[in-house]
């Protein structure tokens, strides 16, 4: 059977349709549901095998990117989402969704000093929208299985991954959790250790700043015409599609 995917949206979310389409193209069944519906009936999560927090500007990023949604999750759904993960299910956060996973403590748990990591303003201090090169580190993350590199777009103002200190980074790196990195010379936001995405200790919860749902077709790549005479071009797909296929195949 096809896995069921919950695309959790809120006011300001604007990538839910594209993300649902990417999951369906990968072989899943996707439903877009407003967070208030889950808040009123958390047992609805039982119907799903994959949960995704898509990109956008949840609640207008009025306090900080993802902060309002993260607070709603932390206060009302934290234990429910932990049980969802502990049941062997998958959680994905893209861009604003990554910010929500980080700021709710779902992806990297708080310790006695508070939050060990955060996502803050780009080094440039401005919103950045461009394509960037990425490499995968390690094999812990379910969503990145078999992927070595990708070329994906980013579109954010608060995407700079920062840790409290080097000891936090050293621990996460040793655990294989800093799973996705920008190519060093192509780091668009000044993220520490070039981190573009990270997973939890199980590899089943993954957040990333780039948008894989915006590169699921080969012609979405801005320079695709340079490759159209390549004999292998006809069989190519967008780099981001494999992330969604890996999530679907996990339940195969």
C-alpha atoms as a PDB file:
ATOM      1  CA  UNK A   1       0.000   0.000   0.000  1.00  0.00           C
ATOM      2  CA  UNK A   2       1.070   3.586  -0.598  1.00  0.00           C
ATOM      3  CA  UNK A   3       2.261   5.373   2.560  1.00  0.00           C
ATOM      4  CA  UNK A   4       0.049   8.242   3.669  1.00  0.00           C
ATOM      5  CA  UNK A   5       1.771  11.607   4.026  1.00  0.00           C
ATOM      6  CA  UNK A   6       0.519  14.465   6.171  1.00  0.00           C
ATOM      7  CA  UNK A   7       1.503  17.894   4.811  1.00  0.00           C
ATOM      8  CA  UNK A   8       0.956  20.106   7.846  1.00  0.00           C
ATOM      9  CA  UNK A   9       0.102  23.649   6.804  1.00  0.00           C
ATOM     10  CA  UNK A  10      -0.584  26.897   8.643  1.00  0.00           C
ATOM     11  CA  UNK A  11      -1.395  30.501   7.700  1.00  0.00           C
ATOM     12  CA  UNK A  12       1.516  31.656   5.540  1.00  0.00           C
ATOM     13  CA  UNK A  13       2.572  28.198   4.357  1.00  0.00           C
ATOM     14  CA  UNK A  14       3.088  28.429   0.594  1.00  0.00           C
ATOM     15  CA  UNK A  15       4.901  25.258  -0.502  1.00  0.00           C
ATOM     16  CA  UNK A  16       2.338  22.684   0.586  1.00  0.00           C
ATOM     17  CA  UNK A  17       0.919  21.998  -2.888  1.00  0.00           C
ATOM     18  CA  UNK A  18       4.351  21.456  -4.445  1.00  0.00           C
ATOM     19  CA  UNK A  19       5.424  19.229  -1.573  1.00  0.00           C
ATOM     20  CA  UNK A  20       2.269  17.124  -1.779  1.00  0.00           C
ATOM     21  CA  UNK A  21       2.831  16.734  -5.527  1.00  0.00           C
ATOM     22  CA  UNK A  22       6.444  15.640  -4.973  1.00  0.00           C
ATOM     23  CA  UNK A  23       5.360  12.940  -2.520  1.00  0.00           C
ATOM     24  CA  UNK A  24       2.623  11.750  -4.874  1.00  0.00           C
ATOM     25  CA  UNK A  25       5.061  11.643  -7.784  1.00  0.00           C
ATOM     26  CA  UNK A  26       7.300   9.495  -5.573  1.00  0.00           C
ATOM     27  CA  UNK A  27       4.441   7.039  -4.987  1.00  0.00           C
ATOM     28  CA  UNK A  28       2.727   8.224  -1.806  1.00  0.00           C
ATOM     29  CA  UNK A  29      -0.733   9.542  -0.992  1.00  0.00           C
ATOM     30  CA  UNK A  30      -0.558  13.065   0.418  1.00  0.00           C
ATOM     31  CA  UNK A  31      -3.075  15.125   2.381  1.00  0.00           C
ATOM     32  CA  UNK A  32      -2.727  18.816   3.193  1.00  0.00           C
ATOM     33  CA  UNK A  33      -4.188  19.499   6.631  1.00  0.00           C
ATOM     34  CA  UNK A  34      -4.276  22.702   8.674  1.00  0.00           C
ATOM     35  CA  UNK A  35      -2.431  22.510  11.988  1.00  0.00           C
ATOM     36  CA  UNK A  36      -5.586  23.570  13.863  1.00  0.00           C
ATOM     37  CA  UNK A  37      -7.296  20.364  12.740  1.00  0.00           C
ATOM     38  CA  UNK A  38      -4.471  18.311  14.260  1.00  0.00           C
ATOM     39  CA  UNK A  39      -4.453  20.439  17.408  1.00  0.00           C
ATOM     40  CA  UNK A  40      -8.146  19.712  17.887  1.00  0.00           C
ATOM     41  CA  UNK A  41      -7.766  15.993  17.163  1.00  0.00           C
ATOM     42  CA  UNK A  42      -4.157  14.728  17.536  1.00  0.00           C
ATOM     43  CA  UNK A  43      -5.289  11.141  16.951  1.00  0.00           C
ATOM     44  CA  UNK A  44      -5.541  12.014  13.240  1.00  0.00           C
ATOM     45  CA  UNK A  45      -1.782  11.469  13.085  1.00  0.00           C
ATOM     46  CA  UNK A  46      -2.428   7.743  13.444  1.00  0.00           C
ATOM     47  CA  UNK A  47      -3.583   7.634   9.804  1.00  0.00           C
ATOM     48  CA  UNK A  48      -0.169   8.691   8.480  1.00  0.00           C
ATOM     49  CA  UNK A  49       3.277   7.151   8.060  1.00  0.00           C
ATOM     50  CA  UNK A  50       5.081  10.356   7.056  1.00  0.00           C
ATOM     51  CA  UNK A  51       4.670  13.884   8.385  1.00  0.00           C
ATOM     52  CA  UNK A  52       6.042  16.895   6.534  1.00  0.00           C
ATOM     53  CA  UNK A  53       6.387  20.518   7.588  1.00  0.00           C
ATOM     54  CA  UNK A  54       6.659  22.307   4.229  1.00  0.00           C
ATOM     55  CA  UNK A  55       8.271  25.610   3.359  1.00  0.00           C
ATOM     56  CA  UNK A  56       6.698  29.024   3.472  1.00  0.00           C
ATOM     57  CA  UNK A  57       6.213  31.671   6.121  1.00  0.00           C
ATOM     58  CA  UNK A  58       4.120  30.001   8.813  1.00  0.00           C
ATOM     59  CA  UNK A  59       2.187  32.661  10.741  1.00  0.00           C
ATOM     60  CA  UNK A  60       4.026  35.266   8.683  1.00  0.00           C
ATOM     61  CA  UNK A  61       7.296  34.653  10.562  1.00  0.00           C
ATOM     62  CA  UNK A  62       6.012  37.543  12.698  1.00  0.00           C
ATOM     63  CA  UNK A  63       8.292  36.801  15.670  1.00  0.00           C
ATOM     64  CA  UNK A  64      11.012  34.800  13.942  1.00  0.00           C
ATOM     65  CA  UNK A  65      11.024  32.214  11.172  1.00  0.00           C
ATOM     66  CA  UNK A  66       8.963  29.223  12.294  1.00  0.00           C
ATOM     67  CA  UNK A  67       8.786  30.399  15.905  1.00  0.00           C
ATOM     68  CA  UNK A  68       5.001  30.658  16.291  1.00  0.00           C
ATOM     69  CA  UNK A  69       4.356  27.264  14.708  1.00  0.00           C
ATOM     70  CA  UNK A  70       7.196  25.736  16.734  1.00  0.00           C
ATOM     71  CA  UNK A  71       5.687  27.078  19.953  1.00  0.00           C
ATOM     72  CA  UNK A  72       2.287  25.602  19.097  1.00  0.00           C
ATOM     73  CA  UNK A  73       3.978  22.253  18.452  1.00  0.00           C
ATOM     74  CA  UNK A  74       6.084  22.392  21.616  1.00  0.00           C
ATOM     75  CA  UNK A  75       3.126  23.269  23.860  1.00  0.00           C
ATOM     76  CA  UNK A  76       0.411  21.102  22.319  1.00  0.00           C
ATOM     77  CA  UNK A  77       1.849  18.323  20.156  1.00  0.00           C
ATOM     78  CA  UNK A  78       5.420  17.595  21.271  1.00  0.00           C
ATOM     79  CA  UNK A  79       4.691  14.276  22.990  1.00  0.00           C
ATOM     80  CA  UNK A  80       2.303  13.219  20.204  1.00  0.00           C
ATOM     81  CA  UNK A  81       4.959  13.858  17.555  1.00  0.00           C
ATOM     82  CA  UNK A  82       7.573  12.034  19.611  1.00  0.00           C
ATOM     83  CA  UNK A  83       5.273   9.001  19.721  1.00  0.00           C
ATOM     84  CA  UNK A  84       4.812   9.320  15.956  1.00  0.00           C
ATOM     85  CA  UNK A  85       8.589   9.108  15.487  1.00  0.00           C
ATOM     86  CA  UNK A  86       9.007   6.352  18.079  1.00  0.00           C
ATOM     87  CA  UNK A  87       6.518   4.256  16.087  1.00  0.00           C
ATOM     88  CA  UNK A  88       9.076   4.096  13.274  1.00  0.00           C
ATOM     89  CA  UNK A  89       7.472   6.812  11.169  1.00  0.00           C
ATOM     90  CA  UNK A  90       9.214   9.623   9.274  1.00  0.00           C
ATOM     91  CA  UNK A  91       9.231  13.393   9.736  1.00  0.00           C
ATOM     92  CA  UNK A  92      10.532  15.894   7.173  1.00  0.00           C
ATOM     93  CA  UNK A  93      10.925  19.648   7.518  1.00  0.00           C
ATOM     94  CA  UNK A  94      11.757  21.837   4.504  1.00  0.00           C
ATOM     95  CA  UNK A  95      13.012  25.419   4.932  1.00  0.00           C
ATOM     96  CA  UNK A  96      10.389  26.904   7.284  1.00  0.00           C
ATOM     97  CA  UNK A  97       9.681  23.318   8.279  1.00  0.00           C
ATOM     98  CA  UNK A  98      13.342  22.877   9.247  1.00  0.00           C
ATOM     99  CA  UNK A  99      13.075  26.022  11.346  1.00  0.00           C
ATOM    100  CA  UNK A 100      10.011  24.569  13.066  1.00  0.00           C
ATOM    101  CA  UNK A 101      11.737  21.246  13.787  1.00  0.00           C
ATOM    102  CA  UNK A 102      14.757  23.051  15.252  1.00  0.00           C
ATOM    103  CA  UNK A 103      12.891  25.643  17.311  1.00  0.00           C
ATOM    104  CA  UNK A 104      10.388  23.140  18.708  1.00  0.00           C
ATOM    105  CA  UNK A 105      13.176  20.864  19.942  1.00  0.00           C
ATOM    106  CA  UNK A 106      11.922  17.929  17.888  1.00  0.00           C
ATOM    107  CA  UNK A 107      15.069  17.526  15.788  1.00  0.00           C
ATOM    108  CA  UNK A 108      17.720  18.441  18.372  1.00  0.00           C
ATOM    109  CA  UNK A 109      16.484  18.151  21.937  1.00  0.00           C
ATOM    110  CA  UNK A 110      16.998  20.949  24.444  1.00  0.00           C
ATOM    111  CA  UNK A 111      19.444  20.338  27.285  1.00  0.00           C
ATOM    112  CA  UNK A 112      20.011  21.979  30.667  1.00  0.00           C
ATOM    113  CA  UNK A 113      21.300  25.109  28.908  1.00  0.00           C
ATOM    114  CA  UNK A 114      18.414  25.358  26.467  1.00  0.00           C
ATOM    115  CA  UNK A 115      18.528  24.905  22.707  1.00  0.00           C
ATOM    116  CA  UNK A 116      21.914  23.581  21.490  1.00  0.00           C
ATOM    117  CA  UNK A 117      21.365  24.759  17.895  1.00  0.00           C
ATOM    118  CA  UNK A 118      19.309  27.297  16.000  1.00  0.00           C
ATOM    119  CA  UNK A 119      18.731  28.783  12.558  1.00  0.00           C
ATOM    120  CA  UNK A 120      19.330  32.506  12.394  1.00  0.00           C
ATOM    121  CA  UNK A 121      19.778  35.355   9.927  1.00  0.00           C
ATOM    122  CA  UNK A 122      21.911  34.746   6.875  1.00  0.00           C
ATOM    123  CA  UNK A 123      25.412  36.162   7.072  1.00  0.00           C
ATOM    124  CA  UNK A 124      24.406  38.654   4.383  1.00  0.00           C
ATOM    125  CA  UNK A 125      21.560  39.930   6.558  1.00  0.00           C
ATOM    126  CA  UNK A 126      19.087  39.676   3.684  1.00  0.00           C
ATOM    127  CA  UNK A 127      16.706  37.186   2.104  1.00  0.00           C
ATOM    128  CA  UNK A 128      18.562  34.987  -0.375  1.00  0.00           C
ATOM    129  CA  UNK A 129      17.005  33.132  -3.318  1.00  0.00           C
ATOM    130  CA  UNK A 130      19.350  31.099  -5.516  1.00  0.00           C
ATOM    131  CA  UNK A 131      20.589  27.606  -6.343  1.00  0.00           C
ATOM    132  CA  UNK A 132      23.330  25.882  -4.381  1.00  0.00           C
ATOM    133  CA  UNK A 133      25.455  22.745  -4.514  1.00  0.00           C
ATOM    134  CA  UNK A 134      25.172  20.173  -1.743  1.00  0.00           C
ATOM    135  CA  UNK A 135      26.944  17.057  -0.530  1.00  0.00           C
ATOM    136  CA  UNK A 136      25.718  14.252   1.715  1.00  0.00           C
ATOM    137  CA  UNK A 137      27.753  13.179   4.744  1.00  0.00           C
ATOM    138  CA  UNK A 138      27.312   9.698   6.194  1.00  0.00           C
ATOM    139  CA  UNK A 139      24.476   7.230   5.829  1.00  0.00           C
ATOM    140  CA  UNK A 140      22.347   7.798   8.933  1.00  0.00           C
ATOM    141  CA  UNK A 141      19.556   9.834   7.335  1.00  0.00           C
ATOM    142  CA  UNK A 142      16.751   7.783   5.785  1.00  0.00           C
ATOM    143  CA  UNK A 143      15.808  10.573   3.367  1.00  0.00           C
ATOM    144  CA  UNK A 144      19.334  10.812   1.888  1.00  0.00           C
ATOM    145  CA  UNK A 145      19.942   7.118   1.220  1.00  0.00           C
ATOM    146  CA  UNK A 146      22.020   6.589  -1.915  1.00  0.00           C
ATOM    147  CA  UNK A 147      22.448  10.312  -2.567  1.00  0.00           C
ATOM    148  CA  UNK A 148      25.961  11.755  -2.850  1.00  0.00           C
ATOM    149  CA  UNK A 149      25.305  15.269  -4.112  1.00  0.00           C
ATOM    150  CA  UNK A 150      22.447  17.555  -5.171  1.00  0.00           C
ATOM    151  CA  UNK A 151      21.794  20.885  -6.790  1.00  0.00           C
ATOM    152  CA  UNK A 152      18.798  22.575  -5.144  1.00  0.00           C
ATOM    153  CA  UNK A 153      17.335  26.063  -4.724  1.00  0.00           C
ATOM    154  CA  UNK A 154      17.295  27.938  -1.430  1.00  0.00           C
ATOM    155  CA  UNK A 155      14.954  30.800  -0.502  1.00  0.00           C
ATOM    156  CA  UNK A 156      15.286  32.092   3.041  1.00  0.00           C
ATOM    157  CA  UNK A 157      16.426  34.905   5.301  1.00  0.00           C
ATOM    158  CA  UNK A 158      17.013  32.869   8.468  1.00  0.00           C
ATOM    159  CA  UNK A 159      18.840  29.761   7.316  1.00  0.00           C
ATOM    160  CA  UNK A 160      22.215  30.073   9.009  1.00  0.00           C
ATOM    161  CA  UNK A 161      22.760  26.939  11.095  1.00  0.00           C
ATOM    162  CA  UNK A 162      24.490  27.785  14.359  1.00  0.00           C
ATOM    163  CA  UNK A 163      25.405  25.779  17.448  1.00  0.00           C
ATOM    164  CA  UNK A 164      26.040  26.974  20.972  1.00  0.00           C
ATOM    165  CA  UNK A 165      29.676  25.963  20.704  1.00  0.00           C
ATOM    166  CA  UNK A 166      32.037  23.613  18.905  1.00  0.00           C
ATOM    167  CA  UNK A 167      31.394  20.808  21.362  1.00  0.00           C
ATOM    168  CA  UNK A 168      27.759  20.639  20.220  1.00  0.00           C
ATOM    169  CA  UNK A 169      28.854  20.519  16.583  1.00  0.00           C
ATOM    170  CA  UNK A 170      31.481  17.893  17.369  1.00  0.00           C
ATOM    171  CA  UNK A 171      28.868  15.705  19.068  1.00  0.00           C
ATOM    172  CA  UNK A 172      26.320  16.022  16.264  1.00  0.00           C
ATOM    173  CA  UNK A 173      28.983  15.397  13.646  1.00  0.00           C
ATOM    174  CA  UNK A 174      30.294  12.320  15.473  1.00  0.00           C
ATOM    175  CA  UNK A 175      26.727  10.992  15.600  1.00  0.00           C
ATOM    176  CA  UNK A 176      26.360  11.452  11.829  1.00  0.00           C
ATOM    177  CA  UNK A 177      23.557  13.977  12.244  1.00  0.00           C
ATOM    178  CA  UNK A 178      24.976  16.873  10.198  1.00  0.00           C
ATOM    179  CA  UNK A 179      23.889  14.957   7.158  1.00  0.00           C
ATOM    180  CA  UNK A 180      23.631  17.580   4.414  1.00  0.00           C
ATOM    181  CA  UNK A 181      26.265  20.258   3.717  1.00  0.00           C
ATOM    182  CA  UNK A 182      26.713  23.090   1.309  1.00  0.00           C
ATOM    183  CA  UNK A 183      29.781  22.808  -0.874  1.00  0.00           C
ATOM    184  CA  UNK A 184      32.102  25.095   1.168  1.00  0.00           C
ATOM    185  CA  UNK A 185      32.651  27.669  -1.560  1.00  0.00           C
ATOM    186  CA  UNK A 186      28.897  27.746  -2.231  1.00  0.00           C
ATOM    187  CA  UNK A 187      27.600  28.238   1.331  1.00  0.00           C
ATOM    188  CA  UNK A 188      24.812  30.796   0.826  1.00  0.00           C
ATOM    189  CA  UNK A 189      24.212  31.858   4.426  1.00  0.00           C
ATOM    190  CA  UNK A 190      27.377  31.348   6.471  1.00  0.00           C
ATOM    191  CA  UNK A 191      26.113  28.202   8.222  1.00  0.00           C
ATOM    192  CA  UNK A 192      28.584  26.698  10.669  1.00  0.00           C
ATOM    193  CA  UNK A 193      30.400  23.717   9.115  1.00  0.00           C
ATOM    194  CA  UNK A 194      28.375  24.383   5.961  1.00  0.00           C
ATOM    195  CA  UNK A 195      25.327  22.613   7.431  1.00  0.00           C
ATOM    196  CA  UNK A 196      22.336  22.670   5.082  1.00  0.00           C
ATOM    197  CA  UNK A 197      20.369  19.889   6.788  1.00  0.00           C
ATOM    198  CA  UNK A 198      20.436  17.682   9.878  1.00  0.00           C
ATOM    199  CA  UNK A 199      18.715  14.581  11.207  1.00  0.00           C
ATOM    200  CA  UNK A 200      17.863  13.257  14.629  1.00  0.00           C
ATOM    201  CA  UNK A 201      19.609  10.342  16.321  1.00  0.00           C
ATOM    202  CA  UNK A 202      17.392   7.796  14.546  1.00  0.00           C
ATOM    203  CA  UNK A 203      17.812   9.237  11.048  1.00  0.00           C
ATOM    204  CA  UNK A 204      14.015   9.292  10.702  1.00  0.00           C
ATOM    205  CA  UNK A 205      13.564  13.017  11.378  1.00  0.00           C
ATOM    206  CA  UNK A 206      15.244  15.288   8.837  1.00  0.00           C
ATOM    207  CA  UNK A 207      15.226  18.996   8.201  1.00  0.00           C
ATOM    208  CA  UNK A 208      16.899  20.963   5.420  1.00  0.00           C
ATOM    209  CA  UNK A 209      16.966  24.560   4.242  1.00  0.00           C
ATOM    210  CA  UNK A 210      17.091  23.881   0.458  1.00  0.00           C
ATOM    211  CA  UNK A 211      13.839  23.064  -1.357  1.00  0.00           C
ATOM    212  CA  UNK A 212      13.875  19.551  -2.887  1.00  0.00           C
ATOM    213  CA  UNK A 213      10.247  19.935  -4.004  1.00  0.00           C
ATOM    214  CA  UNK A 214      11.385  22.694  -6.379  1.00  0.00           C
ATOM    215  CA  UNK A 215      13.693  20.373  -8.283  1.00  0.00           C
ATOM    216  CA  UNK A 216      11.770  17.199  -9.009  1.00  0.00           C
ATOM    217  CA  UNK A 217      11.818  17.631 -12.785  1.00  0.00           C
ATOM    218  CA  UNK A 218      15.015  17.978 -14.801  1.00  0.00           C
ATOM    219  CA  UNK A 219      13.733  21.116 -16.542  1.00  0.00           C
ATOM    220  CA  UNK A 220      13.373  22.977 -13.241  1.00  0.00           C
ATOM    221  CA  UNK A 221      17.149  23.269 -13.102  1.00  0.00           C
ATOM    222  CA  UNK A 222      17.981  26.777 -14.381  1.00  0.00           C
ATOM    223  CA  UNK A 223      20.698  25.573 -16.762  1.00  0.00           C
ATOM    224  CA  UNK A 224      18.935  22.418 -17.958  1.00  0.00           C
ATOM    225  CA  UNK A 225      19.236  23.342 -21.631  1.00  0.00           C
ATOM    226  CA  UNK A 226      22.995  22.801 -21.426  1.00  0.00           C
ATOM    227  CA  UNK A 227      22.358  19.109 -20.848  1.00  0.00           C
ATOM    228  CA  UNK A 228      19.560  18.402 -23.317  1.00  0.00           C
ATOM    229  CA  UNK A 229      21.964  16.900 -25.856  1.00  0.00           C
ATOM    230  CA  UNK A 230      23.367  14.526 -23.250  1.00  0.00           C
ATOM    231  CA  UNK A 231      22.259  10.975 -24.282  1.00  0.00           C
ATOM    232  CA  UNK A 232      21.293  10.245 -20.674  1.00  0.00           C
ATOM    233  CA  UNK A 233      19.184  13.401 -20.311  1.00  0.00           C
ATOM    234  CA  UNK A 234      15.919  11.726 -21.284  1.00  0.00           C
ATOM    235  CA  UNK A 235      16.093   9.470 -18.221  1.00  0.00           C
ATOM    236  CA  UNK A 236      17.092  12.150 -15.733  1.00  0.00           C
ATOM    237  CA  UNK A 237      14.854  13.549 -13.008  1.00  0.00           C
ATOM    238  CA  UNK A 238      15.293  16.494 -10.685  1.00  0.00           C
ATOM    239  CA  UNK A 239      17.802  16.027  -7.879  1.00  0.00           C
ATOM    240  CA  UNK A 240      15.230  16.554  -5.141  1.00  0.00           C
ATOM    241  CA  UNK A 241      12.887  13.742  -6.137  1.00  0.00           C
ATOM    242  CA  UNK A 242      15.052  11.028  -4.581  1.00  0.00           C
ATOM    243  CA  UNK A 243      14.467  12.480  -1.114  1.00  0.00           C
ATOM    244  CA  UNK A 244      10.742  11.813  -1.476  1.00  0.00           C
ATOM    245  CA  UNK A 245      11.300   8.414  -3.088  1.00  0.00           C
ATOM    246  CA  UNK A 246      13.518   7.370  -0.191  1.00  0.00           C
ATOM    247  CA  UNK A 247      10.753   8.244   2.267  1.00  0.00           C
ATOM    248  CA  UNK A 248       8.219   6.213   0.272  1.00  0.00           C
ATOM    249  CA  UNK A 249      10.615   3.277  -0.226  1.00  0.00           C
ATOM    250  CA  UNK A 250      11.266   3.154   3.520  1.00  0.00           C
ATOM    251  CA  UNK A 251       7.794   1.653   3.880  1.00  0.00           C
ATOM    252  CA  UNK A 252       8.119  -0.606   0.841  1.00  0.00           C
END
